[in-house]
Amino acid sequence: MMMRHVWIRGIMSLIWLVAAVVSGMAGSFEMAVLYVALSGVFLYSAYATWKKEKDDKGGK
């Protein structure tokens, strides 16, 4: 069973990505870049945690 915080981080990443698209469409490109960066951080964090959990279960 996958940990809830991995799902939450993934969802937060998608929310930041949507905010980046909306900001880009509104013309605020500086904020769009910031939101893309935040989305990447959340996505990387979720992936790293998921990968670690998967490796821990495989070794047992």
PDB file of N, CA and C in Angstrom:
ATOM      1  N   MET A   1       0.846  -1.190   0.000  1.00  0.00           N
ATOM      2  CA  MET A   1       0.000   0.000   0.000  1.00  0.00           C
ATOM      3  C   MET A   1       0.887   1.248   0.000  1.00  0.00           C
ATOM      4  N   MET A   2       0.572   2.157  -0.884  1.00  0.00           N
ATOM      5  CA  MET A   2       1.378   3.373  -1.019  1.00  0.00           C
ATOM      6  C   MET A   2       1.043   4.354   0.106  1.00  0.00           C
ATOM      7  N   MET A   3       2.060   5.053   0.558  1.00  0.00           N
ATOM      8  CA  MET A   3       1.863   6.007   1.638  1.00  0.00           C
ATOM      9  C   MET A   3       1.034   7.205   1.167  1.00  0.00           C
ATOM     10  N   ARG A   4       0.222   7.697   2.078  1.00  0.00           N
ATOM     11  CA  ARG A   4      -0.645   8.826   1.737  1.00  0.00           C
ATOM     12  C   ARG A   4       0.128  10.077   1.370  1.00  0.00           C
ATOM     13  N   HIS A   5       1.241  10.328   2.049  1.00  0.00           N
ATOM     14  CA  HIS A   5       1.952  11.580   1.778  1.00  0.00           C
ATOM     15  C   HIS A   5       2.560  11.587   0.382  1.00  0.00           C
ATOM     16  N   VAL A   6       2.799  10.414  -0.207  1.00  0.00           N
ATOM     17  CA  VAL A   6       3.263  10.375  -1.596  1.00  0.00           C
ATOM     18  C   VAL A   6       2.142  10.873  -2.507  1.00  0.00           C
ATOM     19  N   TRP A   7       0.925  10.414  -2.255  1.00  0.00           N
ATOM     20  CA  TRP A   7      -0.227  10.871  -3.033  1.00  0.00           C
ATOM     21  C   TRP A   7      -0.459  12.366  -2.837  1.00  0.00           C
ATOM     22  N   ILE A   8      -0.357  12.820  -1.612  1.00  0.00           N
ATOM     23  CA  ILE A   8      -0.580  14.241  -1.331  1.00  0.00           C
ATOM     24  C   ILE A   8       0.465  15.101  -2.036  1.00  0.00           C
ATOM     25  N   ARG A   9       1.728  14.684  -2.008  1.00  0.00           N
ATOM     26  CA  ARG A   9       2.775  15.439  -2.699  1.00  0.00           C
ATOM     27  C   ARG A   9       2.544  15.452  -4.202  1.00  0.00           C
ATOM     28  N   GLY A  10       2.077  14.340  -4.743  1.00  0.00           N
ATOM     29  CA  GLY A  10       1.773  14.289  -6.170  1.00  0.00           C
ATOM     30  C   GLY A  10       0.639  15.223  -6.548  1.00  0.00           C
ATOM     31  N   ILE A  11      -0.388  15.255  -5.722  1.00  0.00           N
ATOM     32  CA  ILE A  11      -1.523  16.148  -5.970  1.00  0.00           C
ATOM     33  C   ILE A  11      -1.100  17.605  -5.835  1.00  0.00           C
ATOM     34  N   MET A  12      -0.290  17.908  -4.825  1.00  0.00           N
ATOM     35  CA  MET A  12       0.209  19.273  -4.664  1.00  0.00           C
ATOM     36  C   MET A  12       1.051  19.694  -5.875  1.00  0.00           C
ATOM     37  N   SER A  13       1.814  18.755  -6.413  1.00  0.00           N
ATOM     38  CA  SER A  13       2.603  19.047  -7.603  1.00  0.00           C
ATOM     39  C   SER A  13       1.698  19.417  -8.774  1.00  0.00           C
ATOM     40  N   LEU A  14       0.622  18.686  -8.950  1.00  0.00           N
ATOM     41  CA  LEU A  14      -0.316  18.998 -10.030  1.00  0.00           C
ATOM     42  C   LEU A  14      -0.989  20.351  -9.816  1.00  0.00           C
ATOM     43  N   ILE A  15      -1.300  20.675  -8.568  1.00  0.00           N
ATOM     44  CA  ILE A  15      -1.920  21.969  -8.271  1.00  0.00           C
ATOM     45  C   ILE A  15      -0.963  23.101  -8.626  1.00  0.00           C
ATOM     46  N   TRP A  16       0.324  22.972  -8.247  1.00  0.00           N
ATOM     47  CA  TRP A  16       1.307  24.002  -8.578  1.00  0.00           C
ATOM     48  C   TRP A  16       1.492  24.104 -10.091  1.00  0.00           C
ATOM     49  N   LEU A  17       1.415  22.966 -10.788  1.00  0.00           N
ATOM     50  CA  LEU A  17       1.547  22.995 -12.241  1.00  0.00           C
ATOM     51  C   LEU A  17       0.372  23.722 -12.889  1.00  0.00           C
ATOM     52  N   VAL A  18      -0.827  23.509 -12.382  1.00  0.00           N
ATOM     53  CA  VAL A  18      -1.999  24.228 -12.885  1.00  0.00           C
ATOM     54  C   VAL A  18      -1.852  25.722 -12.607  1.00  0.00           C
ATOM     55  N   ALA A  19      -1.360  26.060 -11.421  1.00  0.00           N
ATOM     56  CA  ALA A  19      -1.135  27.473 -11.094  1.00  0.00           C
ATOM     57  C   ALA A  19      -0.118  28.091 -12.046  1.00  0.00           C
ATOM     58  N   ALA A  20       0.891  27.324 -12.439  1.00  0.00           N
ATOM     59  CA  ALA A  20       1.889  27.828 -13.389  1.00  0.00           C
ATOM     60  C   ALA A  20       1.254  28.098 -14.747  1.00  0.00           C
ATOM     61  N   VAL A  21       0.397  27.207 -15.187  1.00  0.00           N
ATOM     62  CA  VAL A  21      -0.268  27.402 -16.478  1.00  0.00           C
ATOM     63  C   VAL A  21      -1.168  28.626 -16.432  1.00  0.00           C
ATOM     64  N   VAL A  22      -1.929  28.769 -15.364  1.00  0.00           N
ATOM     65  CA  VAL A  22      -2.825  29.923 -15.223  1.00  0.00           C
ATOM     66  C   VAL A  22      -2.014  31.217 -15.170  1.00  0.00           C
ATOM     67  N   SER A  23      -0.924  31.219 -14.425  1.00  0.00           N
ATOM     68  CA  SER A  23      -0.087  32.421 -14.342  1.00  0.00           C
ATOM     69  C   SER A  23       0.543  32.752 -15.685  1.00  0.00           C
ATOM     70  N   GLY A  24       0.962  31.715 -16.396  1.00  0.00           N
ATOM     71  CA  GLY A  24       1.536  31.946 -17.715  1.00  0.00           C
ATOM     72  C   GLY A  24       0.518  32.527 -18.676  1.00  0.00           C
ATOM     73  N   MET A  25      -0.705  32.041 -18.618  1.00  0.00           N
ATOM     74  CA  MET A  25      -1.756  32.561 -19.488  1.00  0.00           C
ATOM     75  C   MET A  25      -2.130  33.991 -19.103  1.00  0.00           C
ATOM     76  N   ALA A  26      -1.997  34.314 -17.821  1.00  0.00           N
ATOM     77  CA  ALA A  26      -2.323  35.660 -17.352  1.00  0.00           C
ATOM     78  C   ALA A  26      -1.194  36.651 -17.640  1.00  0.00           C
ATOM     79  N   GLY A  27      -0.033  36.145 -18.037  1.00  0.00           N
ATOM     80  CA  GLY A  27       1.072  37.028 -18.383  1.00  0.00           C
ATOM     81  C   GLY A  27       2.090  37.229 -17.283  1.00  0.00           C
ATOM     82  N   SER A  28       1.928  36.562 -16.176  1.00  0.00           N
ATOM     83  CA  SER A  28       2.879  36.687 -15.073  1.00  0.00           C
ATOM     84  C   SER A  28       3.903  35.551 -15.173  1.00  0.00           C
ATOM     85  N   PHE A  29       4.875  35.747 -16.061  1.00  0.00           N
ATOM     86  CA  PHE A  29       5.814  34.675 -16.358  1.00  0.00           C
ATOM     87  C   PHE A  29       6.783  34.400 -15.210  1.00  0.00           C
ATOM     88  N   GLU A  30       7.086  35.420 -14.412  1.00  0.00           N
ATOM     89  CA  GLU A  30       7.976  35.199 -13.262  1.00  0.00           C
ATOM     90  C   GLU A  30       7.326  34.243 -12.272  1.00  0.00           C
ATOM     91  N   MET A  31       6.036  34.455 -12.010  1.00  0.00           N
ATOM     92  CA  MET A  31       5.327  33.572 -11.080  1.00  0.00           C
ATOM     93  C   MET A  31       5.144  32.180 -11.687  1.00  0.00           C
ATOM     94  N   ALA A  32       4.961  32.120 -12.995  1.00  0.00           N
ATOM     95  CA  ALA A  32       4.823  30.828 -13.658  1.00  0.00           C
ATOM     96  C   ALA A  32       6.090  29.999 -13.485  1.00  0.00           C
ATOM     97  N   VAL A  33       7.243  30.636 -13.611  1.00  0.00           N
ATOM     98  CA  VAL A  33       8.512  29.928 -13.423  1.00  0.00           C
ATOM     99  C   VAL A  33       8.636  29.447 -11.982  1.00  0.00           C
ATOM    100  N   LEU A  34       8.262  30.283 -11.041  1.00  0.00           N
ATOM    101  CA  LEU A  34       8.298  29.890  -9.628  1.00  0.00           C
ATOM    102  C   LEU A  34       7.386  28.694  -9.381  1.00  0.00           C
ATOM    103  N   TYR A  35       6.195  28.721  -9.935  1.00  0.00           N
ATOM    104  CA  TYR A  35       5.248  27.620  -9.732  1.00  0.00           C
ATOM    105  C   TYR A  35       5.725  26.330 -10.391  1.00  0.00           C
ATOM    106  N   VAL A  36       6.382  26.437 -11.531  1.00  0.00           N
ATOM    107  CA  VAL A  36       6.936  25.241 -12.171  1.00  0.00           C
ATOM    108  C   VAL A  36       8.037  24.648 -11.289  1.00  0.00           C
ATOM    109  N   ALA A  37       8.853  25.516 -10.714  1.00  0.00           N
ATOM    110  CA  ALA A  37       9.917  25.046  -9.827  1.00  0.00           C
ATOM    111  C   ALA A  37       9.324  24.351  -8.593  1.00  0.00           C
ATOM    112  N   LEU A  38       8.305  24.946  -8.000  1.00  0.00           N
ATOM    113  CA  LEU A  38       7.653  24.331  -6.838  1.00  0.00           C
ATOM    114  C   LEU A  38       7.030  22.991  -7.210  1.00  0.00           C
ATOM    115  N   SER A  39       6.422  22.942  -8.373  1.00  0.00           N
ATOM    116  CA  SER A  39       5.834  21.690  -8.842  1.00  0.00           C
ATOM    117  C   SER A  39       6.908  20.620  -8.989  1.00  0.00           C
ATOM    118  N   GLY A  40       8.043  20.995  -9.533  1.00  0.00           N
ATOM    119  CA  GLY A  40       9.139  20.048  -9.695  1.00  0.00           C
ATOM    120  C   GLY A  40       9.669  19.540  -8.370  1.00  0.00           C
ATOM    121  N   VAL A  41       9.760  20.422  -7.393  1.00  0.00           N
ATOM    122  CA  VAL A  41      10.236  20.013  -6.067  1.00  0.00           C
ATOM    123  C   VAL A  41       9.273  19.014  -5.430  1.00  0.00           C
ATOM    124  N   PHE A  42       7.983  19.299  -5.490  1.00  0.00           N
ATOM    125  CA  PHE A  42       7.005  18.379  -4.925  1.00  0.00           C
ATOM    126  C   PHE A  42       7.010  17.049  -5.671  1.00  0.00           C
ATOM    127  N   LEU A  43       7.111  17.091  -6.997  1.00  0.00           N
ATOM    128  CA  LEU A  43       7.115  15.867  -7.786  1.00  0.00           C
ATOM    129  C   LEU A  43       8.358  15.034  -7.496  1.00  0.00           C
ATOM    130  N   TYR A  44       9.509  15.674  -7.397  1.00  0.00           N
ATOM    131  CA  TYR A  44      10.735  14.959  -7.076  1.00  0.00           C
ATOM    132  C   TYR A  44      10.646  14.324  -5.687  1.00  0.00           C
ATOM    133  N   SER A  45      10.106  15.065  -4.737  1.00  0.00           N
ATOM    134  CA  SER A  45       9.964  14.551  -3.383  1.00  0.00           C
ATOM    135  C   SER A  45       9.047  13.326  -3.352  1.00  0.00           C
ATOM    136  N   ALA A  46       7.941  13.394  -4.070  1.00  0.00           N
ATOM    137  CA  ALA A  46       7.016  12.260  -4.116  1.00  0.00           C
ATOM    138  C   ALA A  46       7.677  11.057  -4.771  1.00  0.00           C
ATOM    139  N   TYR A  47       8.385  11.285  -5.872  1.00  0.00           N
ATOM    140  CA  TYR A  47       9.040  10.179  -6.572  1.00  0.00           C
ATOM    141  C   TYR A  47      10.128   9.540  -5.711  1.00  0.00           C
ATOM    142  N   ALA A  48      10.937  10.357  -5.055  1.00  0.00           N
ATOM    143  CA  ALA A  48      12.023   9.830  -4.230  1.00  0.00           C
ATOM    144  C   ALA A  48      11.472   8.999  -3.075  1.00  0.00           C
ATOM    145  N   THR A  49      10.398   9.469  -2.452  1.00  0.00           N
ATOM    146  CA  THR A  49       9.794   8.725  -1.347  1.00  0.00           C
ATOM    147  C   THR A  49       9.186   7.426  -1.850  1.00  0.00           C
ATOM    148  N   TRP A  50       8.496   7.481  -2.989  1.00  0.00           N
ATOM    149  CA  TRP A  50       7.891   6.280  -3.560  1.00  0.00           C
ATOM    150  C   TRP A  50       8.965   5.257  -3.918  1.00  0.00           C
ATOM    151  N   LYS A  51      10.048   5.731  -4.527  1.00  0.00           N
ATOM    152  CA  LYS A  51      11.136   4.840  -4.929  1.00  0.00           C
ATOM    153  C   LYS A  51      11.778   4.195  -3.712  1.00  0.00           C
ATOM    154  N   LYS A  52      11.991   4.975  -2.652  1.00  0.00           N
ATOM    155  CA  LYS A  52      12.599   4.435  -1.439  1.00  0.00           C
ATOM    156  C   LYS A  52      11.696   3.388  -0.808  1.00  0.00           C
ATOM    157  N   GLU A  53      10.404   3.667  -0.766  1.00  0.00           N
ATOM    158  CA  GLU A  53       9.463   2.704  -0.195  1.00  0.00           C
ATOM    159  C   GLU A  53       9.438   1.425  -1.026  1.00  0.00           C
ATOM    160  N   LYS A  54       9.470   1.570  -2.324  1.00  0.00           N
ATOM    161  CA  LYS A  54       9.449   0.407  -3.215  1.00  0.00           C
ATOM    162  C   LYS A  54      10.700  -0.437  -3.012  1.00  0.00           C
ATOM    163  N   ASP A  55      11.867   0.209  -2.895  1.00  0.00           N
ATOM    164  CA  ASP A  55      13.120  -0.508  -2.682  1.00  0.00           C
ATOM    165  C   ASP A  55      13.150  -1.176  -1.319  1.00  0.00           C
ATOM    166  N   ASP A  56      12.612  -0.530  -0.296  1.00  0.00           N
ATOM    167  CA  ASP A  56      12.583  -1.113   1.044  1.00  0.00           C
ATOM    168  C   ASP A  56      11.714  -2.368   1.078  1.00  0.00           C
ATOM    169  N   LYS A  57      10.604  -2.356   0.391  1.00  0.00           N
ATOM    170  CA  LYS A  57       9.717  -3.533   0.366  1.00  0.00           C
ATOM    171  C   LYS A  57      10.325  -4.666  -0.447  1.00  0.00           C
ATOM    172  N   GLY A  58      11.065  -4.328  -1.492  1.00  0.00           N
ATOM    173  CA  GLY A  58      11.680  -5.348  -2.332  1.00  0.00           C
ATOM    174  C   GLY A  58      12.802  -6.091  -1.636  1.00  0.00           C
ATOM    175  N   GLY A  59      13.476  -5.442  -0.712  1.00  0.00           N
ATOM    176  CA  GLY A  59      14.602  -6.052  -0.016  1.00  0.00           C
ATOM    177  C   GLY A  59      14.202  -6.964   1.130  1.00  0.00           C
ATOM    178  N   LYS A  60      12.980  -6.869   1.570  1.00  0.00           N
ATOM    179  CA  LYS A  60      12.540  -7.663   2.721  1.00  0.00           C
ATOM    180  C   LYS A  60      12.065  -9.024   2.300  1.00  0.00           C
TER     181      LYS A  60
END
